């Protein structure tokens, strides 16, 4: 699903309410898609196995910002909902 954050209903657009959560935010730096794929890999092979946290039952988000997504300095984020194990 691709979306925008809003507090208002938009005609002819499906809405998804996301429950309140705590988030771990991971920064991706580099050309897409390789840079963000690397971040996802590190989240599930390094971060979660080595932390007291687990994935919460809330959707994940990728936040993309204005810029050249092919640049080695492009920055975007991966937001993962977390809870204690």
Protein backbone atom coordinates (compact mmCIF):
# COMPACT_ATOMS: atom_id res chain seq x y z
CA UNK A 1 0.00 0.00 0.00
CA UNK A 2 1.27 3.46 -0.81
CA UNK A 3 -0.04 6.25 1.35
CA UNK A 4 0.21 9.67 2.85
CA UNK A 5 -0.24 10.80 6.43
CA UNK A 6 -3.38 12.83 6.95
CA UNK A 7 -6.03 13.55 9.56
CA UNK A 8 -8.73 14.13 6.96
CA UNK A 9 -10.73 11.79 4.79
CA UNK A 10 -9.92 12.06 1.10
CA UNK A 11 -12.76 11.28 -1.33
CA UNK A 12 -12.33 8.03 -3.29
CA UNK A 13 -9.23 7.04 -1.30
CA UNK A 14 -9.08 4.04 1.04
CA UNK A 15 -8.10 4.85 4.63
CA UNK A 16 -6.04 2.71 7.00
CA UNK A 17 -5.92 3.54 10.70
CA UNK A 18 -2.61 2.54 12.26
CA UNK A 19 -2.68 1.73 15.96
CA UNK A 20 -0.40 3.64 18.31
CA UNK A 21 3.03 2.01 18.53
CA UNK A 22 6.64 2.52 19.46
CA UNK A 23 8.93 2.57 16.45
CA UNK A 24 12.52 1.72 15.66
CA UNK A 25 13.58 3.95 12.77
CA UNK A 26 16.42 2.81 10.52
CA UNK A 27 18.07 5.17 8.10
CA UNK A 28 18.94 3.96 4.62
CA UNK A 29 21.67 5.84 2.76
CA UNK A 30 22.44 5.03 -0.84
CA UNK A 31 20.90 4.24 -4.20
CA UNK A 32 17.59 2.39 -4.26
CA UNK A 33 16.65 -0.38 -4.19
CA UNK A 34 19.94 -1.89 -2.95
CA UNK A 35 20.41 0.44 0.03
CA UNK A 36 16.96 -0.11 1.53
CA UNK A 37 17.09 -3.86 0.85
CA UNK A 38 20.32 -3.97 2.86
CA UNK A 39 18.61 -2.17 5.75
CA UNK A 40 15.71 -4.66 5.76
CA UNK A 41 18.19 -7.55 5.78
CA UNK A 42 20.10 -6.04 8.73
CA UNK A 43 16.88 -5.47 10.69
CA UNK A 44 15.89 -9.13 10.59
CA UNK A 45 19.33 -10.76 10.68
CA UNK A 46 21.08 -8.49 13.20
CA UNK A 47 18.77 -6.04 15.01
CA UNK A 48 15.93 -8.33 16.10
CA UNK A 49 18.04 -11.41 16.95
CA UNK A 50 20.33 -9.28 19.15
CA UNK A 51 17.78 -7.12 20.95
CA UNK A 52 15.11 -7.56 23.63
CA UNK A 53 12.55 -6.33 21.09
CA UNK A 54 10.28 -8.00 18.60
CA UNK A 55 8.12 -6.87 15.73
CA UNK A 56 4.77 -5.46 16.90
CA UNK A 57 1.56 -6.40 15.03
CA UNK A 58 1.32 -3.05 13.24
CA UNK A 59 2.27 -2.28 9.61
CA UNK A 60 5.86 -1.30 8.77
CA UNK A 61 6.58 1.86 6.82
CA UNK A 62 9.18 3.03 4.37
CA UNK A 63 9.48 6.82 4.24
CA UNK A 64 10.84 8.25 1.00
CA UNK A 65 11.95 11.84 0.71
CA UNK A 66 12.43 14.18 -2.21
CA UNK A 67 15.74 13.55 -3.92
CA UNK A 68 17.62 11.47 -6.45
CA UNK A 69 16.87 7.85 -5.51
CA UNK A 70 19.82 6.71 -7.65
CA UNK A 71 22.32 8.82 -5.67
CA UNK A 72 24.81 7.19 -3.31
CA UNK A 73 23.76 9.81 -0.73
CA UNK A 74 19.96 9.41 -1.03
CA UNK A 75 18.34 9.05 2.41
CA UNK A 76 15.08 7.28 3.32
CA UNK A 77 13.79 5.50 6.43
CA UNK A 78 12.36 2.15 7.47
CA UNK A 79 9.95 2.38 10.42
CA UNK A 80 9.40 -0.88 12.33
CA UNK A 81 6.86 -1.14 15.15
CA UNK A 82 8.42 -2.74 18.23
CA UNK A 83 7.48 -4.32 21.56
CA UNK A 84 9.43 -6.18 24.24
CA UNK A 85 9.85 -9.94 23.70
